Amino acid sequence: MSALILGFFASCWFGWAQEKPPPVWRSPLIVGAVLSLIVAVVGAVYAWRNWSGGSVLGEPGAMRRYGIIVGVEFGIAAVGAAVIALCGGGEYIAA
């Protein structure tokens, strides 16, 4: 699932970076987008083949820890976005 999720979002980021890159960056960005989609597809196949297997999130307290970690990540991202916006770089904040 990690390969699926990270591959998917990497392809999004590589695609987003293709909006106005310098001309010499175009090919590496396309290669990165394609490779990350391949990683996502491989991750999806492995996830599908092992869907009935156990999950590390099935352990007692794991979901609570996961929720705390995700909450902290989003909080840090919000603070970072606010700092970027206050410094006049609002166009650099991801949707």
Protein backbone atom coordinates (compact mmCIF):
# COMPACT_ATOMS: atom_id res chain seq x y z
CA MET A 1 0.00 0.00 0.00
CA SER A 2 2.92 2.34 0.66
CA ALA A 3 4.19 1.86 -2.89
CA LEU A 4 0.69 2.47 -4.26
CA ILE A 5 0.12 5.63 -2.24
CA LEU A 6 3.60 7.11 -2.60
CA GLY A 7 3.79 6.19 -6.29
CA PHE A 8 0.43 7.84 -6.95
CA PHE A 9 1.31 11.06 -5.16
CA ALA A 10 4.78 11.15 -6.70
CA SER A 11 3.15 11.02 -10.13
CA CYS A 12 0.89 13.89 -9.08
CA TRP A 13 3.86 15.95 -7.92
CA PHE A 14 5.87 15.21 -11.07
CA GLY A 15 2.82 16.13 -13.15
CA TRP A 16 2.25 19.32 -11.19
CA ALA A 17 5.91 20.26 -11.71
CA GLN A 18 5.38 20.15 -15.47
CA GLU A 19 3.30 23.32 -15.44
CA LYS A 20 6.14 25.74 -16.29
CA PRO A 21 9.50 23.98 -15.92
CA PRO A 22 12.69 25.04 -17.68
CA PRO A 23 12.87 23.20 -21.02
CA VAL A 24 15.73 20.93 -19.90
CA TRP A 25 13.62 19.66 -16.96
CA ARG A 26 10.71 18.46 -19.11
CA SER A 27 12.16 15.00 -19.95
CA PRO A 28 13.30 14.14 -16.39
CA LEU A 29 9.89 15.16 -15.05
CA ILE A 30 8.13 12.94 -17.57
CA VAL A 31 10.43 10.03 -16.71
CA GLY A 32 9.75 10.60 -13.00
CA ALA A 33 5.99 10.68 -13.58
CA VAL A 34 6.05 7.47 -15.62
CA LEU A 35 8.30 5.63 -13.16
CA SER A 36 6.18 6.68 -10.21
CA LEU A 37 3.04 5.45 -11.99
CA ILE A 38 4.79 2.10 -12.53
CA VAL A 39 5.58 1.98 -8.80
CA ALA A 40 1.92 2.75 -8.03
CA VAL A 41 0.69 -0.02 -10.34
CA VAL A 42 3.13 -2.56 -8.86
CA GLY A 43 2.03 -1.50 -5.38
CA ALA A 44 -1.63 -1.89 -6.36
CA VAL A 45 -1.00 -5.39 -7.69
CA TYR A 46 0.79 -6.45 -4.52
CA ALA A 47 -1.89 -4.87 -2.34
CA TRP A 48 -4.63 -6.65 -4.27
CA ARG A 49 -2.83 -10.02 -4.09
CA ASN A 50 -2.27 -9.67 -0.31
CA TRP A 51 -5.53 -7.95 0.64
CA SER A 52 -6.61 -10.62 3.12
CA GLY A 53 -3.30 -10.52 5.00
CA GLY A 54 -2.96 -8.81 8.34
CA SER A 55 -2.26 -5.15 8.83
CA VAL A 56 0.10 -3.43 11.21
CA LEU A 57 -2.81 -1.07 11.97
CA GLY A 58 -4.71 -4.02 13.42
CA GLU A 59 -2.58 -3.98 16.57
CA PRO A 60 -4.09 -2.39 19.71
CA GLY A 61 -3.48 1.35 19.81
CA ALA A 62 -2.03 1.49 16.30
CA MET A 63 -4.91 3.49 14.79
CA ARG A 64 -4.71 6.04 17.61
CA ARG A 65 -0.97 6.52 17.04
CA TYR A 66 -1.59 6.76 13.29
CA GLY A 67 -4.25 9.44 13.84
CA ILE A 68 -1.93 11.45 16.07
CA ILE A 69 0.90 11.27 13.53
CA VAL A 70 -1.38 12.32 10.66
CA GLY A 71 -2.79 15.16 12.77
CA VAL A 72 0.72 16.43 13.57
CA GLU A 73 1.69 16.21 9.87
CA PHE A 74 -1.35 18.23 8.81
CA GLY A 75 -0.71 20.76 11.58
CA ILE A 76 2.89 21.25 10.46
CA ALA A 77 1.76 21.54 6.84
CA ALA A 78 -0.81 24.18 7.81
CA VAL A 79 1.79 26.19 9.72
CA GLY A 80 4.19 25.93 6.76
CA ALA A 81 1.50 27.05 4.33
CA ALA A 82 0.65 30.00 6.57
CA VAL A 83 4.31 31.06 6.74
CA ILE A 84 4.65 30.77 2.96
CA ALA A 85 1.47 32.82 2.47
CA LEU A 86 2.63 35.50 4.92
CA CYS A 87 5.94 35.76 3.06
CA GLY A 88 4.09 36.44 -0.21
CA GLY A 89 4.58 33.03 -1.78
CA GLY A 90 0.95 31.93 -1.89
CA GLU A 91 1.34 30.56 -5.42
CA TYR A 92 3.75 27.95 -4.03
CA ILE A 93 1.19 26.41 -1.67
CA ALA A 94 -0.18 23.10 -2.89
CA ALA A 95 -3.92 22.67 -3.14
